[in-house]
Amino acid sequence: MTKTKKPIDIRAVRPEDHDEWRPLWDDYNAFYERTGPTALPEEVTQTLWRRFFDASEPVHCLVAVRDGHVVGLCHYLFHRATSRIENLCYLQDLFTLAELRGHGIGRALINATYERAQEAGCKRVYWQTHATNTPGRTLYDKVAKHFGFLVYAKDVG
């Protein structure tokens, strides 16, 4: 007998998704070692959540839903650039439940982000990940091109 994958619904986050979105967000932050003393302040998380529902904000959230439960998240934003007339789409956060990785959820979230970006007039979606994120990079190498850039940052405030 062939094992069939359960359908995945990708949609914009809704206020009632908070209690299922939050553990994914916390696990995503833990993956990047933002826990305990290095955890994001609660105000950051609460502000992010409010931004998803503020039409004046360029920050958006998609969720992957399977069997009525949120099993993945994707946060993206639109912004101007110096090298293009149209906005760019930055896929900032992507995360799925660990036990469901390899089931097409990350790919579905990325593809849905591509669709939202295209609808908004963007011609490029881009993101970054840590060099040690081997499972993520395996997927990313299949759905996008790595241009070889390194990221530098400095907190100034």
N, C-alpha and C. Protein backbone atom coordinates (compact mmCIF):
# COMPACT_ATOMS: atom_id res chain seq x y z
N MET A 1 0.83 -1.17 0.00
CA MET A 1 0.00 0.00 0.00
C MET A 1 0.88 1.24 0.00
N THR A 2 0.52 2.23 -0.79
CA THR A 2 1.29 3.46 -0.89
C THR A 2 0.87 4.43 0.21
N LYS A 3 1.85 4.99 0.87
CA LYS A 3 1.58 5.98 1.91
C LYS A 3 1.35 7.33 1.25
N THR A 4 0.21 7.97 1.53
CA THR A 4 -0.09 9.27 0.94
C THR A 4 0.18 10.36 1.95
N LYS A 5 0.65 11.48 1.46
CA LYS A 5 0.89 12.63 2.32
C LYS A 5 -0.43 13.34 2.58
N LYS A 6 -0.60 13.76 3.80
CA LYS A 6 -1.80 14.51 4.16
C LYS A 6 -1.69 15.91 3.55
N PRO A 7 -2.82 16.48 3.15
CA PRO A 7 -2.76 17.80 2.51
C PRO A 7 -2.32 18.89 3.48
N ILE A 8 -1.65 19.87 2.90
CA ILE A 8 -1.17 21.03 3.65
C ILE A 8 -1.91 22.25 3.12
N ASP A 9 -2.46 23.03 4.01
CA ASP A 9 -3.11 24.28 3.64
C ASP A 9 -2.19 25.41 4.05
N ILE A 10 -1.81 26.25 3.11
CA ILE A 10 -0.99 27.43 3.41
C ILE A 10 -1.91 28.63 3.35
N ARG A 11 -1.90 29.42 4.42
CA ARG A 11 -2.77 30.59 4.47
C ARG A 11 -2.17 31.65 5.37
N ALA A 12 -2.74 32.85 5.29
CA ALA A 12 -2.32 33.93 6.19
C ALA A 12 -2.70 33.55 7.62
N VAL A 13 -1.85 33.95 8.54
CA VAL A 13 -2.12 33.69 9.94
C VAL A 13 -3.39 34.43 10.37
N ARG A 14 -4.08 33.86 11.34
CA ARG A 14 -5.29 34.46 11.90
C ARG A 14 -5.07 34.66 13.40
N PRO A 15 -5.77 35.62 13.99
CA PRO A 15 -5.60 35.85 15.43
C PRO A 15 -5.77 34.59 16.27
N GLU A 16 -6.70 33.73 15.87
CA GLU A 16 -6.95 32.52 16.66
C GLU A 16 -5.83 31.48 16.53
N ASP A 17 -4.84 31.73 15.67
CA ASP A 17 -3.70 30.82 15.51
C ASP A 17 -2.61 31.04 16.55
N HIS A 18 -2.74 32.08 17.36
CA HIS A 18 -1.65 32.46 18.25
C HIS A 18 -1.13 31.30 19.10
N ASP A 19 -2.02 30.54 19.71
CA ASP A 19 -1.57 29.50 20.64
C ASP A 19 -0.85 28.35 19.95
N GLU A 20 -1.03 28.18 18.65
CA GLU A 20 -0.27 27.16 17.92
C GLU A 20 0.94 27.77 17.21
N TRP A 21 0.87 29.05 16.86
CA TRP A 21 2.01 29.76 16.25
C TRP A 21 3.13 29.94 17.27
N ARG A 22 2.76 30.29 18.51
CA ARG A 22 3.75 30.67 19.52
C ARG A 22 4.77 29.56 19.81
N PRO A 23 4.38 28.31 20.01
CA PRO A 23 5.41 27.28 20.25
C PRO A 23 6.36 27.10 19.06
N LEU A 24 5.84 27.25 17.84
CA LEU A 24 6.72 27.17 16.66
C LEU A 24 7.71 28.33 16.68
N TRP A 25 7.22 29.52 16.99
CA TRP A 25 8.09 30.70 17.07
C TRP A 25 9.15 30.50 18.15
N ASP A 26 8.75 29.98 19.29
CA ASP A 26 9.72 29.74 20.36
C ASP A 26 10.75 28.69 19.95
N ASP A 27 10.31 27.63 19.28
CA ASP A 27 11.25 26.59 18.82
C ASP A 27 12.18 27.14 17.75
N TYR A 28 11.67 27.99 16.86
CA TYR A 28 12.51 28.62 15.85
C TYR A 28 13.61 29.43 16.53
N ASN A 29 13.24 30.22 17.52
CA ASN A 29 14.22 31.03 18.23
C ASN A 29 15.22 30.15 18.98
N ALA A 30 14.76 29.05 19.54
CA ALA A 30 15.68 28.12 20.22
C ALA A 30 16.68 27.53 19.24
N PHE A 31 16.23 27.25 18.01
CA PHE A 31 17.12 26.73 16.98
C PHE A 31 18.29 27.68 16.75
N TYR A 32 18.01 28.98 16.83
CA TYR A 32 19.06 29.99 16.65
C TYR A 32 19.63 30.47 17.98
N GLU A 33 19.47 29.64 19.01
CA GLU A 33 20.06 29.85 20.33
C GLU A 33 19.58 31.14 21.00
N ARG A 34 18.34 31.51 20.73
CA ARG A 34 17.74 32.66 21.40
C ARG A 34 16.80 32.13 22.49
N THR A 35 17.42 31.63 23.57
CA THR A 35 16.68 31.11 24.71
C THR A 35 17.38 31.58 25.98
N GLY A 36 16.69 31.43 27.10
CA GLY A 36 17.31 31.80 28.39
C GLY A 36 17.80 33.23 28.35
N PRO A 37 19.08 33.45 28.70
CA PRO A 37 19.60 34.82 28.77
C PRO A 37 19.69 35.52 27.40
N THR A 38 19.68 34.73 26.31
CA THR A 38 19.75 35.35 24.98
C THR A 38 18.39 35.38 24.28
N ALA A 39 17.33 35.04 25.01
CA ALA A 39 15.99 35.01 24.43
C ALA A 39 15.55 36.42 24.01
N LEU A 40 14.70 36.44 22.98
CA LEU A 40 14.11 37.72 22.59
C LEU A 40 13.23 38.23 23.73
N PRO A 41 13.24 39.53 23.96
CA PRO A 41 12.31 40.07 24.95
C PRO A 41 10.86 39.78 24.52
N GLU A 42 10.00 39.53 25.49
CA GLU A 42 8.60 39.26 25.20
C GLU A 42 7.96 40.38 24.38
N GLU A 43 8.40 41.60 24.60
CA GLU A 43 7.87 42.74 23.85
C GLU A 43 8.12 42.58 22.34
N VAL A 44 9.23 42.00 21.97
CA VAL A 44 9.53 41.77 20.55
C VAL A 44 8.52 40.80 19.96
N THR A 45 8.28 39.70 20.65
CA THR A 45 7.32 38.71 20.16
C THR A 45 5.92 39.29 20.08
N GLN A 46 5.50 40.02 21.10
CA GLN A 46 4.16 40.61 21.09
C GLN A 46 4.01 41.66 19.99
N THR A 47 5.06 42.44 19.75
CA THR A 47 5.03 43.44 18.68
C THR A 47 4.96 42.75 17.32
N LEU A 48 5.75 41.70 17.13
CA LEU A 48 5.71 40.95 15.88
C LEU A 48 4.30 40.44 15.63
N TRP A 49 3.69 39.83 16.63
CA TRP A 49 2.34 39.28 16.47
C TRP A 49 1.36 40.37 16.04
N ARG A 50 1.42 41.53 16.68
CA ARG A 50 0.52 42.64 16.32
C ARG A 50 0.77 43.12 14.89
N ARG A 51 2.01 43.13 14.46
CA ARG A 51 2.33 43.60 13.11
C ARG A 51 1.66 42.77 12.03
N PHE A 52 1.50 41.50 12.27
CA PHE A 52 0.86 40.63 11.27
C PHE A 52 -0.55 41.11 10.92
N PHE A 53 -1.20 41.80 11.82
CA PHE A 53 -2.59 42.20 11.64
C PHE A 53 -2.76 43.70 11.44
N ASP A 54 -1.66 44.40 11.21
CA ASP A 54 -1.67 45.84 10.98
C ASP A 54 -1.43 46.08 9.49
N ALA A 55 -2.44 46.54 8.79
CA ALA A 55 -2.35 46.73 7.34
C ALA A 55 -1.26 47.72 6.93
N SER A 56 -0.81 48.58 7.83
CA SER A 56 0.24 49.54 7.48
C SER A 56 1.64 48.94 7.61
N GLU A 57 1.73 47.73 8.13
CA GLU A 57 3.03 47.08 8.32
C GLU A 57 3.40 46.23 7.10
N PRO A 58 4.69 46.19 6.74
CA PRO A 58 5.13 45.34 5.61
C PRO A 58 5.46 43.91 6.03
N VAL A 59 5.21 43.55 7.29
CA VAL A 59 5.55 42.24 7.83
C VAL A 59 4.33 41.33 7.74
N HIS A 60 4.53 40.12 7.23
CA HIS A 60 3.43 39.18 7.01
C HIS A 60 3.79 37.81 7.56
N CYS A 61 2.76 37.01 7.80
CA CYS A 61 2.96 35.65 8.30
C CYS A 61 2.04 34.70 7.55
N LEU A 62 2.64 33.63 7.06
CA LEU A 62 1.89 32.50 6.52
C LEU A 62 2.04 31.34 7.48
N VAL A 63 1.01 30.53 7.56
CA VAL A 63 1.11 29.31 8.36
C VAL A 63 0.75 28.12 7.49
N ALA A 64 1.35 26.99 7.82
CA ALA A 64 1.00 25.72 7.19
C ALA A 64 0.09 25.00 8.17
N VAL A 65 -1.05 24.53 7.65
CA VAL A 65 -2.03 23.86 8.50
C VAL A 65 -2.24 22.45 7.96
N ARG A 66 -2.16 21.49 8.85
CA ARG A 66 -2.43 20.09 8.50
C ARG A 66 -3.33 19.52 9.59
N ASP A 67 -4.38 18.86 9.18
CA ASP A 67 -5.34 18.28 10.12
C ASP A 67 -5.86 19.32 11.12
N GLY A 68 -6.01 20.56 10.65
CA GLY A 68 -6.56 21.61 11.51
C GLY A 68 -5.58 22.23 12.48
N HIS A 69 -4.29 21.89 12.38
CA HIS A 69 -3.29 22.41 13.31
C HIS A 69 -2.17 23.12 12.56
N VAL A 70 -1.67 24.20 13.14
CA VAL A 70 -0.55 24.93 12.57
C VAL A 70 0.71 24.10 12.78
N VAL A 71 1.38 23.76 11.66
CA VAL A 71 2.57 22.91 11.73
C VAL A 71 3.80 23.58 11.13
N GLY A 72 3.64 24.82 10.65
CA GLY A 72 4.77 25.54 10.09
C GLY A 72 4.45 27.02 10.02
N LEU A 73 5.49 27.83 10.00
CA LEU A 73 5.33 29.27 9.88
C LEU A 73 6.33 29.85 8.90
N CYS A 74 5.97 30.97 8.34
CA CYS A 74 6.86 31.71 7.46
C CYS A 74 6.55 33.18 7.64
N HIS A 75 7.58 33.96 8.00
CA HIS A 75 7.44 35.40 8.14
C HIS A 75 8.21 36.05 7.00
N TYR A 76 7.59 37.00 6.34
CA TYR A 76 8.26 37.69 5.25
C TYR A 76 7.88 39.16 5.27
N LEU A 77 8.69 39.96 4.61
CA LEU A 77 8.40 41.38 4.55
C LEU A 77 8.84 41.94 3.21
N PHE A 78 8.19 43.02 2.83
CA PHE A 78 8.51 43.73 1.60
C PHE A 78 9.31 44.98 1.95
N HIS A 79 10.31 45.29 1.12
CA HIS A 79 11.09 46.50 1.38
C HIS A 79 11.69 47.05 0.09
N ARG A 80 12.03 48.29 0.12
CA ARG A 80 12.68 48.96 -1.00
C ARG A 80 14.14 48.52 -1.08
N ALA A 81 14.75 48.78 -2.23
CA ALA A 81 16.16 48.45 -2.42
C ALA A 81 16.80 49.53 -3.28
N THR A 82 18.10 49.63 -3.21
CA THR A 82 18.81 50.62 -4.02
C THR A 82 19.06 50.14 -5.44
N SER A 83 18.95 48.84 -5.68
CA SER A 83 19.29 48.28 -6.99
C SER A 83 18.08 47.90 -7.83
N ARG A 84 16.89 48.19 -7.34
CA ARG A 84 15.67 47.83 -8.07
C ARG A 84 14.60 48.90 -7.86
N ILE A 85 13.71 49.00 -8.81
CA ILE A 85 12.59 49.91 -8.66
C ILE A 85 11.52 49.26 -7.80
N GLU A 86 11.23 47.99 -8.08
CA GLU A 86 10.19 47.29 -7.32
C GLU A 86 10.75 46.82 -5.98
N ASN A 87 9.86 46.61 -5.04
CA ASN A 87 10.25 46.10 -3.73
C ASN A 87 10.85 44.70 -3.84
N LEU A 88 11.59 44.33 -2.83
CA LEU A 88 12.08 42.98 -2.65
C LEU A 88 11.25 42.31 -1.56
N CYS A 89 11.28 41.01 -1.55
CA CYS A 89 10.62 40.24 -0.49
C CYS A 89 11.70 39.50 0.28
N TYR A 90 11.78 39.78 1.56
CA TYR A 90 12.73 39.09 2.43
C TYR A 90 11.98 38.05 3.25
N LEU A 91 12.31 36.80 3.03
CA LEU A 91 11.74 35.69 3.79
C LEU A 91 12.59 35.58 5.06
N GLN A 92 12.09 36.11 6.15
CA GLN A 92 12.91 36.24 7.34
C GLN A 92 12.94 34.99 8.21
N ASP A 93 11.81 34.35 8.39
CA ASP A 93 11.75 33.20 9.29
C ASP A 93 10.97 32.08 8.62
N LEU A 94 11.48 30.87 8.72
CA LEU A 94 10.80 29.69 8.19
C LEU A 94 11.03 28.55 9.17
N PHE A 95 9.94 27.90 9.58
CA PHE A 95 10.09 26.83 10.57
C PHE A 95 8.92 25.87 10.47
N THR A 96 9.21 24.58 10.61
CA THR A 96 8.17 23.56 10.65
C THR A 96 8.42 22.66 11.86
N LEU A 97 7.37 21.99 12.28
CA LEU A 97 7.53 21.03 13.36
C LEU A 97 8.61 20.02 12.98
N ALA A 98 9.49 19.72 13.90
CA ALA A 98 10.62 18.82 13.61
C ALA A 98 10.16 17.47 13.08
N GLU A 99 9.11 16.93 13.67
CA GLU A 99 8.66 15.59 13.27
C GLU A 99 8.02 15.57 11.89
N LEU A 100 7.74 16.73 11.31
CA LEU A 100 7.14 16.79 9.98
C LEU A 100 8.10 17.30 8.90
N ARG A 101 9.35 17.47 9.25
CA ARG A 101 10.32 17.92 8.24
C ARG A 101 10.49 16.83 7.19
N GLY A 102 10.67 17.25 5.96
CA GLY A 102 10.79 16.31 4.86
C GLY A 102 9.45 15.93 4.26
N HIS A 103 8.38 16.57 4.71
CA HIS A 103 7.03 16.28 4.21
C HIS A 103 6.52 17.34 3.25
N GLY A 104 7.40 18.28 2.83
CA GLY A 104 7.00 19.29 1.84
C GLY A 104 6.44 20.56 2.43
N ILE A 105 6.43 20.69 3.74
CA ILE A 105 5.83 21.86 4.36
C ILE A 105 6.69 23.11 4.13
N GLY A 106 7.99 23.00 4.34
CA GLY A 106 8.88 24.14 4.10
C GLY A 106 8.82 24.60 2.65
N ARG A 107 8.85 23.65 1.74
CA ARG A 107 8.77 23.98 0.31
C ARG A 107 7.45 24.67 0.00
N ALA A 108 6.35 24.18 0.57
CA ALA A 108 5.05 24.79 0.33
C ALA A 108 5.00 26.23 0.87
N LEU A 109 5.61 26.46 2.02
CA LEU A 109 5.65 27.82 2.56
C LEU A 109 6.50 28.74 1.69
N ILE A 110 7.63 28.24 1.21
CA ILE A 110 8.47 29.05 0.33
C ILE A 110 7.72 29.36 -0.96
N ASN A 111 7.10 28.36 -1.56
CA ASN A 111 6.35 28.60 -2.80
C ASN A 111 5.22 29.58 -2.61
N ALA A 112 4.54 29.50 -1.47
CA ALA A 112 3.46 30.46 -1.18
C ALA A 112 4.02 31.87 -1.02
N THR A 113 5.22 31.97 -0.45
CA THR A 113 5.86 33.29 -0.33
C THR A 113 6.21 33.82 -1.71
N TYR A 114 6.70 32.96 -2.59
CA TYR A 114 6.96 33.37 -3.97
C TYR A 114 5.69 33.94 -4.61
N GLU A 115 4.57 33.26 -4.40
CA GLU A 115 3.30 33.71 -4.97
C GLU A 115 2.89 35.06 -4.41
N ARG A 116 3.01 35.25 -3.08
CA ARG A 116 2.63 36.53 -2.46
C ARG A 116 3.53 37.64 -2.97
N ALA A 117 4.81 37.35 -3.12
CA ALA A 117 5.75 38.35 -3.61
C ALA A 117 5.40 38.76 -5.04
N GLN A 118 5.12 37.78 -5.87
CA GLN A 118 4.76 38.07 -7.25
C GLN A 118 3.48 38.91 -7.31
N GLU A 119 2.49 38.56 -6.50
CA GLU A 119 1.25 39.33 -6.44
C GLU A 119 1.50 40.78 -6.02
N ALA A 120 2.52 41.00 -5.18
CA ALA A 120 2.86 42.34 -4.69
C ALA A 120 3.78 43.09 -5.64
N GLY A 121 4.15 42.48 -6.76
CA GLY A 121 5.01 43.14 -7.73
C GLY A 121 6.49 42.98 -7.50
N CYS A 122 6.87 42.11 -6.57
CA CYS A 122 8.29 41.85 -6.32
C CYS A 122 8.80 40.87 -7.38
N LYS A 123 10.05 41.04 -7.73
CA LYS A 123 10.66 40.12 -8.68
C LYS A 123 11.73 39.25 -8.03
N ARG A 124 11.97 39.45 -6.74
CA ARG A 124 12.96 38.62 -6.05
C ARG A 124 12.52 38.39 -4.61
N VAL A 125 12.67 37.13 -4.19
CA VAL A 125 12.54 36.73 -2.80
C VAL A 125 13.92 36.24 -2.38
N TYR A 126 14.35 36.65 -1.22
CA TYR A 126 15.66 36.19 -0.74
C TYR A 126 15.57 35.93 0.76
N TRP A 127 16.55 35.17 1.26
CA TRP A 127 16.64 34.89 2.69
C TRP A 127 18.04 34.51 3.03
N GLN A 128 18.29 34.36 4.31
CA GLN A 128 19.58 33.90 4.79
C GLN A 128 19.35 32.80 5.81
N THR A 129 20.35 31.99 6.01
CA THR A 129 20.29 30.95 7.03
C THR A 129 21.69 30.75 7.57
N HIS A 130 21.77 30.07 8.68
CA HIS A 130 23.08 29.80 9.26
C HIS A 130 23.77 28.71 8.45
N ALA A 131 25.08 28.82 8.33
CA ALA A 131 25.86 27.85 7.55
C ALA A 131 25.69 26.42 8.07
N THR A 132 25.36 26.26 9.35
CA THR A 132 25.21 24.92 9.92
C THR A 132 23.82 24.33 9.72
N ASN A 133 22.91 25.07 9.10
CA ASN A 133 21.54 24.58 8.90
C ASN A 133 21.49 23.66 7.68
N THR A 134 22.12 22.52 7.81
CA THR A 134 22.23 21.58 6.69
C THR A 134 20.87 21.13 6.16
N PRO A 135 19.92 20.74 7.01
CA PRO A 135 18.61 20.32 6.46
C PRO A 135 17.93 21.45 5.67
N GLY A 136 17.95 22.66 6.23
CA GLY A 136 17.36 23.79 5.53
C GLY A 136 18.06 24.07 4.22
N ARG A 137 19.37 24.07 4.24
CA ARG A 137 20.14 24.36 3.03
C ARG A 137 19.91 23.31 1.94
N THR A 138 19.67 22.09 2.33
CA THR A 138 19.37 21.04 1.35
C THR A 138 18.11 21.42 0.57
N LEU A 139 17.09 21.89 1.27
CA LEU A 139 15.87 22.35 0.60
C LEU A 139 16.15 23.62 -0.19
N TYR A 140 16.80 24.59 0.42
CA TYR A 140 17.01 25.90 -0.23
C TYR A 140 17.78 25.77 -1.53
N ASP A 141 18.72 24.83 -1.58
CA ASP A 141 19.48 24.62 -2.82
C ASP A 141 18.59 24.10 -3.95
N LYS A 142 17.44 23.54 -3.61
CA LYS A 142 16.51 23.03 -4.62
C LYS A 142 15.52 24.08 -5.10
N VAL A 143 15.27 25.11 -4.28
CA VAL A 143 14.20 26.07 -4.61
C VAL A 143 14.70 27.48 -4.89
N ALA A 144 16.01 27.70 -4.77
CA ALA A 144 16.57 29.04 -4.99
C ALA A 144 18.05 28.92 -5.34
N LYS A 145 18.63 30.03 -5.68
CA LYS A 145 20.06 30.06 -6.03
C LYS A 145 20.83 30.77 -4.93
N HIS A 146 21.93 30.18 -4.51
CA HIS A 146 22.82 30.81 -3.53
C HIS A 146 23.81 31.68 -4.30
N PHE A 147 23.84 32.97 -3.99
CA PHE A 147 24.69 33.91 -4.70
C PHE A 147 26.05 34.11 -4.03
N GLY A 148 26.30 33.41 -2.92
CA GLY A 148 27.62 33.46 -2.31
C GLY A 148 27.86 34.60 -1.35
N PHE A 149 26.86 35.41 -1.06
CA PHE A 149 27.07 36.54 -0.17
C PHE A 149 27.19 36.08 1.27
N LEU A 150 27.99 36.79 2.04
CA LEU A 150 28.11 36.60 3.47
C LEU A 150 27.40 37.76 4.14
N VAL A 151 26.87 37.53 5.33
CA VAL A 151 26.13 38.56 6.04
C VAL A 151 26.98 39.10 7.18
N TYR A 152 27.06 40.42 7.27
CA TYR A 152 27.72 41.09 8.38
C TYR A 152 26.68 41.93 9.09
N ALA A 153 26.81 42.06 10.39
CA ALA A 153 25.86 42.87 11.16
C ALA A 153 26.55 43.44 12.38
N LYS A 154 26.05 44.56 12.84
CA LYS A 154 26.52 45.18 14.08
C LYS A 154 25.34 45.85 14.75
N ASP A 155 25.11 45.54 15.99
CA ASP A 155 24.08 46.22 16.75
C ASP A 155 24.60 47.62 17.09
N VAL A 156 23.81 48.63 16.83
CA VAL A 156 24.28 50.00 17.03
C VAL A 156 23.45 50.76 18.07
N GLY A 157 22.55 50.10 18.72
CA GLY A 157 21.74 50.82 19.70
C GLY A 157 21.64 50.13 21.01
